[in-house]
C-alpha atoms as a PDB file:
ATOM      1  CA  MET A   1       2.884 -27.205   2.682  1.00  0.00           C
ATOM      2  CA  ASN A   2       6.640 -27.355   2.221  1.00  0.00           C
ATOM      3  CA  ASP A   3       8.036 -25.638   5.312  1.00  0.00           C
ATOM      4  CA  ASP A   4      11.489 -24.802   3.922  1.00  0.00           C
ATOM      5  CA  SER A   5      12.558 -23.298   7.251  1.00  0.00           C
ATOM      6  CA  LEU A   6      15.919 -21.542   7.438  1.00  0.00           C
ATOM      7  CA  SER A   7      18.772 -22.385   9.784  1.00  0.00           C
ATOM      8  CA  ASN A   8      19.420 -18.843  11.021  1.00  0.00           C
ATOM      9  CA  PRO A   9      16.494 -16.544  10.155  1.00  0.00           C
ATOM     10  CA  VAL A  10      16.385 -12.915  11.282  1.00  0.00           C
ATOM     11  CA  MET A  11      12.594 -13.130  11.738  1.00  0.00           C
ATOM     12  CA  THR A  12      10.336 -16.106  12.321  1.00  0.00           C
ATOM     13  CA  ALA A  13       6.553 -16.245  12.223  1.00  0.00           C
ATOM     14  CA  HIS A  14       4.981 -19.280  13.876  1.00  0.00           C
ATOM     15  CA  LYS A  15       1.299 -20.151  13.423  1.00  0.00           C
ATOM     16  CA  VAL A  16       0.274 -16.548  12.798  1.00  0.00           C
ATOM     17  CA  SER A  17      -3.404 -15.820  12.224  1.00  0.00           C
ATOM     18  CA  VAL A  18      -5.017 -12.422  11.687  1.00  0.00           C
ATOM     19  CA  THR A  19      -8.710 -11.645  11.980  1.00  0.00           C
ATOM     20  CA  TYR A  20     -10.555  -8.400  11.293  1.00  0.00           C
ATOM     21  CA  GLY A  21     -13.667  -8.649  13.424  1.00  0.00           C
ATOM     22  CA  ASP A  22     -15.032 -12.055  12.436  1.00  0.00           C
ATOM     23  CA  LYS A  23     -13.212 -12.232   9.077  1.00  0.00           C
ATOM     24  CA  CYS A  24     -10.084 -14.367   9.009  1.00  0.00           C
ATOM     25  CA  ALA A  25      -7.489 -12.754   6.695  1.00  0.00           C
ATOM     26  CA  VAL A  26      -4.446 -14.937   7.491  1.00  0.00           C
ATOM     27  CA  ARG A  27      -4.633 -18.471   8.822  1.00  0.00           C
ATOM     28  CA  ASN A  28      -1.934 -20.334  10.730  1.00  0.00           C
ATOM     29  CA  VAL A  29       1.080 -19.096   8.750  1.00  0.00           C
ATOM     30  CA  SER A  30       4.626 -20.156   9.680  1.00  0.00           C
ATOM     31  CA  LEU A  31       7.380 -18.474   7.687  1.00  0.00           C
ATOM     32  CA  ASP A  32      11.030 -17.431   8.103  1.00  0.00           C
ATOM     33  CA  ILE A  33      12.764 -14.331   6.763  1.00  0.00           C
ATOM     34  CA  GLY A  34      16.413 -14.984   6.016  1.00  0.00           C
ATOM     35  CA  ARG A  35      19.416 -12.718   6.404  1.00  0.00           C
ATOM     36  CA  ASN A  36      20.713 -11.122   3.192  1.00  0.00           C
ATOM     37  CA  GLN A  37      17.802 -12.569   1.277  1.00  0.00           C
ATOM     38  CA  VAL A  38      14.717 -11.308  -0.500  1.00  0.00           C
ATOM     39  CA  LEU A  39      11.505 -13.185   0.280  1.00  0.00           C
ATOM     40  CA  ALA A  40       8.692 -12.511  -2.212  1.00  0.00           C
ATOM     41  CA  LEU A  41       5.093 -12.933  -1.084  1.00  0.00           C
ATOM     42  CA  ILE A  42       2.854 -13.632  -4.066  1.00  0.00           C
ATOM     43  CA  GLY A  43      -0.765 -14.586  -4.596  1.00  0.00           C
ATOM     44  CA  PRO A  44      -4.081 -13.200  -5.863  1.00  0.00           C
ATOM     45  CA  SER A  45      -5.556  -9.966  -4.470  1.00  0.00           C
ATOM     46  CA  GLY A  46      -7.032 -10.354  -1.011  1.00  0.00           C
ATOM     47  CA  CYS A  47      -5.076 -13.520  -0.215  1.00  0.00           C
ATOM     48  CA  GLY A  48      -3.538 -12.122   2.992  1.00  0.00           C
ATOM     49  CA  LYS A  49       0.004 -11.333   1.848  1.00  0.00           C
ATOM     50  CA  SER A  50      -0.083  -7.613   2.749  1.00  0.00           C
ATOM     51  CA  THR A  51      -1.893  -8.368   6.012  1.00  0.00           C
ATOM     52  CA  PHE A  52       0.834 -10.849   6.928  1.00  0.00           C
ATOM     53  CA  LEU A  53       3.586  -8.378   5.970  1.00  0.00           C
ATOM     54  CA  ARG A  54       2.071  -5.756   8.265  1.00  0.00           C
ATOM     55  CA  CYS A  55       2.208  -8.159  11.213  1.00  0.00           C
ATOM     56  CA  LEU A  56       5.993  -8.123  10.982  1.00  0.00           C
ATOM     57  CA  ASN A  57       6.294  -4.557  12.295  1.00  0.00           C
ATOM     58  CA  ARG A  58       2.931  -4.393  14.054  1.00  0.00           C
ATOM     59  CA  MET A  59       1.276  -2.074  11.535  1.00  0.00           C
ATOM     60  CA  ASN A  60      -1.944  -3.998  12.179  1.00  0.00           C
ATOM     61  CA  ASP A  61      -1.926  -2.480  15.690  1.00  0.00           C
ATOM     62  CA  THR A  62      -3.293   0.670  14.035  1.00  0.00           C
ATOM     63  CA  ILE A  63      -6.487  -1.159  12.962  1.00  0.00           C
ATOM     64  CA  PRO A  64      -8.858  -1.456  15.959  1.00  0.00           C
ATOM     65  CA  SER A  65     -10.657  -4.587  14.703  1.00  0.00           C
ATOM     66  CA  ALA A  66      -7.453  -6.503  13.900  1.00  0.00           C
ATOM     67  CA  ARG A  67      -6.409  -9.366  16.136  1.00  0.00           C
ATOM     68  CA  VAL A  68      -3.061 -11.139  15.654  1.00  0.00           C
ATOM     69  CA  GLU A  69      -2.418 -14.600  17.105  1.00  0.00           C
ATOM     70  CA  GLY A  70       0.702 -16.752  17.022  1.00  0.00           C
ATOM     71  CA  THR A  71       4.321 -15.797  17.597  1.00  0.00           C
ATOM     72  CA  ILE A  72       6.648 -13.537  15.605  1.00  0.00           C
ATOM     73  CA  THR A  73      10.253 -13.184  16.706  1.00  0.00           C
ATOM     74  CA  LEU A  74      13.038 -10.810  15.645  1.00  0.00           C
ATOM     75  CA  ASP A  75      16.477 -12.118  16.608  1.00  0.00           C
ATOM     76  CA  GLY A  76      14.681 -14.567  18.897  1.00  0.00           C
ATOM     77  CA  GLN A  77      12.632 -11.924  20.774  1.00  0.00           C
ATOM     78  CA  ASN A  78       8.832 -11.914  20.617  1.00  0.00           C
ATOM     79  CA  ILE A  79       7.835  -8.646  18.891  1.00  0.00           C
ATOM     80  CA  TYR A  80       4.344  -8.827  20.438  1.00  0.00           C
ATOM     81  CA  GLY A  81       5.786  -9.188  23.951  1.00  0.00           C
ATOM     82  CA  LYS A  82       4.741  -6.694  26.644  1.00  0.00           C
ATOM     83  CA  LYS A  83       8.234  -5.177  26.842  1.00  0.00           C
ATOM     84  CA  GLN A  84       8.482  -4.480  23.110  1.00  0.00           C
ATOM     85  CA  ASP A  85       8.713  -0.774  22.264  1.00  0.00           C
ATOM     86  CA  VAL A  86       6.743  -0.494  19.017  1.00  0.00           C
ATOM     87  CA  ALA A  87       8.584   2.626  17.791  1.00  0.00           C
ATOM     88  CA  GLN A  88      11.877   0.804  18.300  1.00  0.00           C
ATOM     89  CA  LEU A  89      10.525  -2.236  16.464  1.00  0.00           C
ATOM     90  CA  ARG A  90       9.496  -0.116  13.482  1.00  0.00           C
ATOM     91  CA  ALA A  91      13.008   1.337  13.302  1.00  0.00           C
ATOM     92  CA  ARG A  92      14.433  -2.210  13.192  1.00  0.00           C
ATOM     93  CA  VAL A  93      11.761  -3.452  10.777  1.00  0.00           C
ATOM     94  CA  GLY A  94      11.105  -0.620   8.311  1.00  0.00           C
ATOM     95  CA  ILE A  95       8.308  -0.562   5.744  1.00  0.00           C
ATOM     96  CA  VAL A  96       7.994   0.974   2.280  1.00  0.00           C
ATOM     97  CA  PHE A  97       4.448   1.325   0.992  1.00  0.00           C
ATOM     98  CA  GLN A  98       2.834   0.935  -2.406  1.00  0.00           C
ATOM     99  CA  LYS A  99       2.400   4.655  -2.952  1.00  0.00           C
ATOM    100  CA  PRO A 100       5.461   6.818  -2.213  1.00  0.00           C
ATOM    101  CA  THR A 101       4.827   8.707   1.028  1.00  0.00           C
ATOM    102  CA  PRO A 102       7.467  11.435   1.462  1.00  0.00           C
ATOM    103  CA  PHE A 103       6.816  13.868   4.296  1.00  0.00           C
ATOM    104  CA  PRO A 104       5.966  17.448   3.168  1.00  0.00           C
ATOM    105  CA  HIS A 105       9.455  18.585   4.150  1.00  0.00           C
ATOM    106  CA  SER A 106      12.811  18.943   2.419  1.00  0.00           C
ATOM    107  CA  ILE A 107      14.638  15.931   0.994  1.00  0.00           C
ATOM    108  CA  TYR A 108      17.205  16.323   3.779  1.00  0.00           C
ATOM    109  CA  ALA A 109      14.546  16.479   6.529  1.00  0.00           C
ATOM    110  CA  ASN A 110      12.812  13.368   5.151  1.00  0.00           C
ATOM    111  CA  VAL A 111      15.942  11.292   5.610  1.00  0.00           C
ATOM    112  CA  ALA A 112      17.010  12.958   8.876  1.00  0.00           C
ATOM    113  CA  TYR A 113      13.597  12.464  10.519  1.00  0.00           C
ATOM    114  CA  GLY A 114      14.132   8.956  11.920  1.00  0.00           C
ATOM    115  CA  PRO A 115      17.748   9.410  13.053  1.00  0.00           C
ATOM    116  CA  ARG A 116      16.689  12.621  14.816  1.00  0.00           C
ATOM    117  CA  ILE A 117      13.893  10.870  16.750  1.00  0.00           C
ATOM    118  CA  HIS A 118      16.105   7.929  17.693  1.00  0.00           C
ATOM    119  CA  GLY A 119      19.130  10.056  18.571  1.00  0.00           C
ATOM    120  CA  LEU A 120      21.400   8.418  16.001  1.00  0.00           C
ATOM    121  CA  ALA A 121      23.385  11.526  15.065  1.00  0.00           C
ATOM    122  CA  ARG A 122      24.788  13.829  17.752  1.00  0.00           C
ATOM    123  CA  HIS A 123      26.242  16.542  15.540  1.00  0.00           C
ATOM    124  CA  ARG A 124      25.218  18.214  12.318  1.00  0.00           C
ATOM    125  CA  ALA A 125      28.235  16.707  10.538  1.00  0.00           C
ATOM    126  CA  ASP A 126      27.170  13.203  11.627  1.00  0.00           C
ATOM    127  CA  MET A 127      23.648  13.847  10.361  1.00  0.00           C
ATOM    128  CA  ASP A 128      24.971  15.212   7.057  1.00  0.00           C
ATOM    129  CA  GLU A 129      26.983  12.038   6.586  1.00  0.00           C
ATOM    130  CA  LEU A 130      24.060   9.795   7.548  1.00  0.00           C
ATOM    131  CA  VAL A 131      21.759  11.569   5.091  1.00  0.00           C
ATOM    132  CA  GLN A 132      24.342  11.298   2.319  1.00  0.00           C
ATOM    133  CA  VAL A 133      25.043   7.603   2.959  1.00  0.00           C
ATOM    134  CA  SER A 134      21.329   6.766   3.137  1.00  0.00           C
ATOM    135  CA  LEU A 135      20.554   8.612  -0.100  1.00  0.00           C
ATOM    136  CA  ALA A 136      23.556   6.975  -1.776  1.00  0.00           C
ATOM    137  CA  ARG A 137      22.440   3.512  -0.655  1.00  0.00           C
ATOM    138  CA  ALA A 138      19.003   4.266  -2.073  1.00  0.00           C
ATOM    139  CA  GLY A 139      20.596   5.216  -5.398  1.00  0.00           C
ATOM    140  CA  LEU A 140      19.405   8.825  -5.135  1.00  0.00           C
ATOM    141  CA  TRP A 141      22.362  10.940  -3.944  1.00  0.00           C
ATOM    142  CA  ASP A 142      23.699  11.931  -7.364  1.00  0.00           C
ATOM    143  CA  GLU A 143      20.236  13.068  -8.469  1.00  0.00           C
ATOM    144  CA  VAL A 144      19.417  15.216  -5.414  1.00  0.00           C
ATOM    145  CA  LYS A 145      22.714  16.309  -3.813  1.00  0.00           C
ATOM    146  CA  ASP A 146      22.359  19.864  -5.169  1.00  0.00           C
ATOM    147  CA  ARG A 147      18.770  20.316  -3.985  1.00  0.00           C
ATOM    148  CA  LEU A 148      18.542  18.771  -0.526  1.00  0.00           C
ATOM    149  CA  SER A 149      16.488  21.734   0.705  1.00  0.00           C
ATOM    150  CA  THR A 150      13.716  21.283  -1.896  1.00  0.00           C
ATOM    151  CA  PRO A 151      10.556  19.398  -0.844  1.00  0.00           C
ATOM    152  CA  GLY A 152      10.602  15.613  -1.157  1.00  0.00           C
ATOM    153  CA  THR A 153       7.203  15.909  -2.816  1.00  0.00           C
ATOM    154  CA  SER A 154       8.805  17.754  -5.758  1.00  0.00           C
ATOM    155  CA  LEU A 155      10.586  14.597  -6.913  1.00  0.00           C
ATOM    156  CA  SER A 156       9.271  12.185  -9.543  1.00  0.00           C
ATOM    157  CA  GLY A 157       7.336   9.115  -8.373  1.00  0.00           C
ATOM    158  CA  GLY A 158      10.319   6.789  -8.689  1.00  0.00           C
ATOM    159  CA  GLN A 159      12.597   9.241  -6.907  1.00  0.00           C
ATOM    160  CA  GLN A 160      10.021   9.682  -4.137  1.00  0.00           C
ATOM    161  CA  GLN A 161       9.963   5.922  -3.609  1.00  0.00           C
ATOM    162  CA  ARG A 162      13.765   5.821  -3.413  1.00  0.00           C
ATOM    163  CA  LEU A 163      13.572   8.721  -0.936  1.00  0.00           C
ATOM    164  CA  CYS A 164      11.204   6.615   1.190  1.00  0.00           C
ATOM    165  CA  ILE A 165      13.707   3.751   1.010  1.00  0.00           C
ATOM    166  CA  ALA A 166      16.501   6.159   2.064  1.00  0.00           C
ATOM    167  CA  ARG A 167      14.309   7.295   4.970  1.00  0.00           C
ATOM    168  CA  THR A 168      13.779   3.674   5.990  1.00  0.00           C
ATOM    169  CA  ILE A 169      17.466   2.707   5.912  1.00  0.00           C
ATOM    170  CA  ALA A 170      18.593   5.906   7.695  1.00  0.00           C
ATOM    171  CA  VAL A 171      17.635   4.360  11.070  1.00  0.00           C
ATOM    172  CA  ASN A 172      19.738   1.258  10.335  1.00  0.00           C
ATOM    173  CA  PRO A 173      17.030  -1.415  10.229  1.00  0.00           C
ATOM    174  CA  GLU A 174      17.634  -5.160  10.124  1.00  0.00           C
ATOM    175  CA  VAL A 175      14.597  -5.912   7.972  1.00  0.00           C
ATOM    176  CA  ILE A 176      12.934  -3.920   5.187  1.00  0.00           C
ATOM    177  CA  LEU A 177       9.324  -4.705   4.309  1.00  0.00           C
ATOM    178  CA  MET A 178       8.035  -3.580   0.912  1.00  0.00           C
ATOM    179  CA  ASP A 179       4.342  -3.630   0.044  1.00  0.00           C
ATOM    180  CA  GLU A 180       4.093  -3.566  -3.771  1.00  0.00           C
ATOM    181  CA  PRO A 181       6.757  -0.827  -3.914  1.00  0.00           C
ATOM    182  CA  THR A 182       6.709  -0.435  -7.712  1.00  0.00           C
ATOM    183  CA  SER A 183       3.008  -0.820  -8.563  1.00  0.00           C
ATOM    184  CA  ALA A 184       2.538   2.983  -8.794  1.00  0.00           C
ATOM    185  CA  LEU A 185       5.684   3.466 -10.917  1.00  0.00           C
ATOM    186  CA  ASP A 186       6.493   3.320 -14.616  1.00  0.00           C
ATOM    187  CA  PRO A 187       8.687   0.458 -15.963  1.00  0.00           C
ATOM    188  CA  ILE A 188      11.954   2.454 -15.904  1.00  0.00           C
ATOM    189  CA  ALA A 189      11.452   3.628 -12.312  1.00  0.00           C
ATOM    190  CA  SER A 190      10.388   0.079 -11.366  1.00  0.00           C
ATOM    191  CA  ALA A 191      13.575  -1.376 -12.855  1.00  0.00           C
ATOM    192  CA  LYS A 192      15.658   1.056 -10.756  1.00  0.00           C
ATOM    193  CA  ILE A 193      13.866  -0.055  -7.582  1.00  0.00           C
ATOM    194  CA  GLU A 194      14.435  -3.722  -8.525  1.00  0.00           C
ATOM    195  CA  ASP A 195      18.165  -3.097  -9.013  1.00  0.00           C
ATOM    196  CA  LEU A 196      18.197  -1.294  -5.685  1.00  0.00           C
ATOM    197  CA  ILE A 197      16.501  -4.225  -3.901  1.00  0.00           C
ATOM    198  CA  ASP A 198      19.221  -6.500  -5.237  1.00  0.00           C
ATOM    199  CA  GLU A 199      21.924  -4.196  -3.808  1.00  0.00           C
ATOM    200  CA  LEU A 200      20.171  -3.689  -0.461  1.00  0.00           C
ATOM    201  CA  ARG A 201      19.996  -7.427   0.095  1.00  0.00           C
ATOM    202  CA  GLU A 202      23.721  -7.396   0.930  1.00  0.00           C
ATOM    203  CA  ASN A 203      22.941  -5.475   4.136  1.00  0.00           C
ATOM    204  CA  TYR A 204      19.327  -6.255   4.999  1.00  0.00           C
ATOM    205  CA  ALA A 205      16.713  -8.975   5.120  1.00  0.00           C
ATOM    206  CA  ILE A 206      13.909  -7.976   2.735  1.00  0.00           C
ATOM    207  CA  ALA A 207      10.321  -9.176   2.388  1.00  0.00           C
ATOM    208  CA  ILE A 208       8.397  -7.869  -0.613  1.00  0.00           C
ATOM    209  CA  VAL A 209       4.726  -8.246  -1.485  1.00  0.00           C
ATOM    210  CA  THR A 210       4.270  -8.133  -5.240  1.00  0.00           C
ATOM    211  CA  HIS A 211       1.473  -8.978  -7.655  1.00  0.00           C
ATOM    212  CA  ASN A 212       4.042  -9.062 -10.464  1.00  0.00           C
ATOM    213  CA  MET A 213       5.340 -12.617 -10.802  1.00  0.00           C
ATOM    214  CA  GLN A 214       8.151 -11.622 -13.170  1.00  0.00           C
ATOM    215  CA  GLN A 215       9.313  -9.169 -10.511  1.00  0.00           C
ATOM    216  CA  ALA A 216       9.189 -11.862  -7.817  1.00  0.00           C
ATOM    217  CA  ALA A 217      11.256 -14.146 -10.048  1.00  0.00           C
ATOM    218  CA  ARG A 218      13.800 -11.388 -10.722  1.00  0.00           C
ATOM    219  CA  VAL A 219      14.379  -9.980  -7.237  1.00  0.00           C
ATOM    220  CA  SER A 220      13.829 -12.802  -4.732  1.00  0.00           C
ATOM    221  CA  GLN A 221      15.711 -15.863  -3.562  1.00  0.00           C
ATOM    222  CA  ARG A 222      12.674 -17.378  -1.831  1.00  0.00           C
ATOM    223  CA  THR A 223       9.001 -17.152  -2.722  1.00  0.00           C
ATOM    224  CA  ALA A 224       5.928 -17.771  -0.586  1.00  0.00           C
ATOM    225  CA  TYR A 225       2.578 -18.342  -2.292  1.00  0.00           C
ATOM    226  CA  PHE A 226      -0.546 -17.276  -0.404  1.00  0.00           C
ATOM    227  CA  HIS A 227      -4.101 -18.296  -1.287  1.00  0.00           C
ATOM    228  CA  MET A 228      -7.215 -17.171   0.610  1.00  0.00           C
ATOM    229  CA  GLY A 229      -5.329 -16.531   3.830  1.00  0.00           C
ATOM    230  CA  ASP A 230      -3.274 -19.726   3.734  1.00  0.00           C
ATOM    231  CA  LEU A 231       0.426 -20.104   3.018  1.00  0.00           C
ATOM    232  CA  VAL A 232       0.267 -22.793   0.347  1.00  0.00           C
ATOM    233  CA  GLU A 233       3.935 -23.158  -0.475  1.00  0.00           C
ATOM    234  CA  VAL A 234       7.319 -21.624   0.239  1.00  0.00           C
ATOM    235  CA  GLY A 235      10.713 -22.478  -1.192  1.00  0.00           C
ATOM    236  CA  PRO A 236      13.611 -21.305  -3.350  1.00  0.00           C
ATOM    237  CA  THR A 237      12.228 -18.963  -6.011  1.00  0.00           C
ATOM    238  CA  ASP A 238      13.556 -20.916  -8.989  1.00  0.00           C
ATOM    239  CA  ARG A 239      11.962 -24.124  -7.709  1.00  0.00           C
ATOM    240  CA  VAL A 240       8.620 -22.530  -6.848  1.00  0.00           C
ATOM    241  CA  PHE A 241       8.403 -21.072 -10.361  1.00  0.00           C
ATOM    242  CA  THR A 242       9.729 -24.042 -12.345  1.00  0.00           C
ATOM    243  CA  ASN A 243       8.608 -26.983 -10.236  1.00  0.00           C
ATOM    244  CA  PRO A 244       5.860 -25.975  -7.767  1.00  0.00           C
ATOM    245  CA  GLN A 245       4.923 -28.704  -5.290  1.00  0.00           C
ATOM    246  CA  GLN A 246       1.288 -27.661  -4.938  1.00  0.00           C
ATOM    247  CA  ARG A 247      -1.433 -27.641  -7.580  1.00  0.00           C
ATOM    248  CA  LEU A 248      -2.737 -24.264  -6.346  1.00  0.00           C
ATOM    249  CA  THR A 249       0.708 -22.704  -6.833  1.00  0.00           C
ATOM    250  CA  GLU A 250       1.042 -24.204 -10.288  1.00  0.00           C
ATOM    251  CA  ASP A 251      -2.405 -22.961 -11.333  1.00  0.00           C
ATOM    252  CA  TYR A 252      -1.552 -19.430 -10.213  1.00  0.00           C
ATOM    253  CA  ILE A 253       1.916 -19.328 -11.795  1.00  0.00           C
ATOM    254  CA  THR A 254       0.703 -20.720 -15.110  1.00  0.00           C
ATOM    255  CA  GLY A 255      -2.147 -18.194 -15.176  1.00  0.00           C
ATOM    256  CA  ARG A 256      -5.069 -20.577 -14.741  1.00  0.00           C
ATOM    257  CA  PHE A 257      -6.485 -18.261 -12.125  1.00  0.00           C
ATOM    258  CA  GLY A 258      -5.640 -15.143 -10.147  1.00  0.00           C
END
C-alpha cells in the first residue's frame, strides 16, 4: 500500500480496525485527512469506507456491537481519549448523510440548532448573521431568504441536502464528512453539491464517501481505494485514476469488478 502520508494533516488515523461482533469491517487502516483538501473514499459496496468515515466522529459509538481499535487524532489529540467530549467532537467533525435529514423545524431553526446548543451566538442579531452566513456558504441563502420560517422539510431534496450542509458548517467545524451526499439527488442537484464541495474546501478539510468514480475524480485531490475492509491504495486523485499502483485498484477503476 502506498502510504502517501501528509506533512500537516488535520486528522490522522493509525492502524484503525472496526469489528461488529465477530465480523471485521475495517482492517488496520492508516490514513491522513489534509487541510483544505477533499479526500474521496471509493470502493465496492460493503468494503468498509462508510464504516471508516463514521470512526472519524465516533458515530460508531451508537452501534452497541461495534468495536474500534487503533488511534485517530484531530489536531494531534486522540478523539477516543477518555477526556474527549463526543458532542464537542461532532461539532468539530461534522457529518452529512446520504439521505437529507433536516429537522422538522423551520429553515432558520435547522441552522440555528447547533450554535444554540454550543452557545456560539449570544444575541439574536449574532444568530441571524450566523444563519445567513451558513446558508450563503451552503449556496442556499438566495433561494430561502424570504421563507426562513417555513419547514426545512418543505424544500426540494437538493435544497434539503444543502440545508444539512449549512447546519453542519454553522458550528464552525474543522472537518466535514460526507457519506454519499448526492446518491439520493438528481444530476442537477448533485452538480450543485459538487460545486459547493469545491468551494467549501477553501475553509474545511473534507472526506467524502462516494460510489460514483466520476464524482471522486471531479471533487477530490486525494483518493483512497478500499477493498473488503482493507485500504488498498491512497494517493493524488489524478495518479490513482490514471496510473494506479495496485492491481485491485486498476481492476475496480477500469470496471473489471465492483
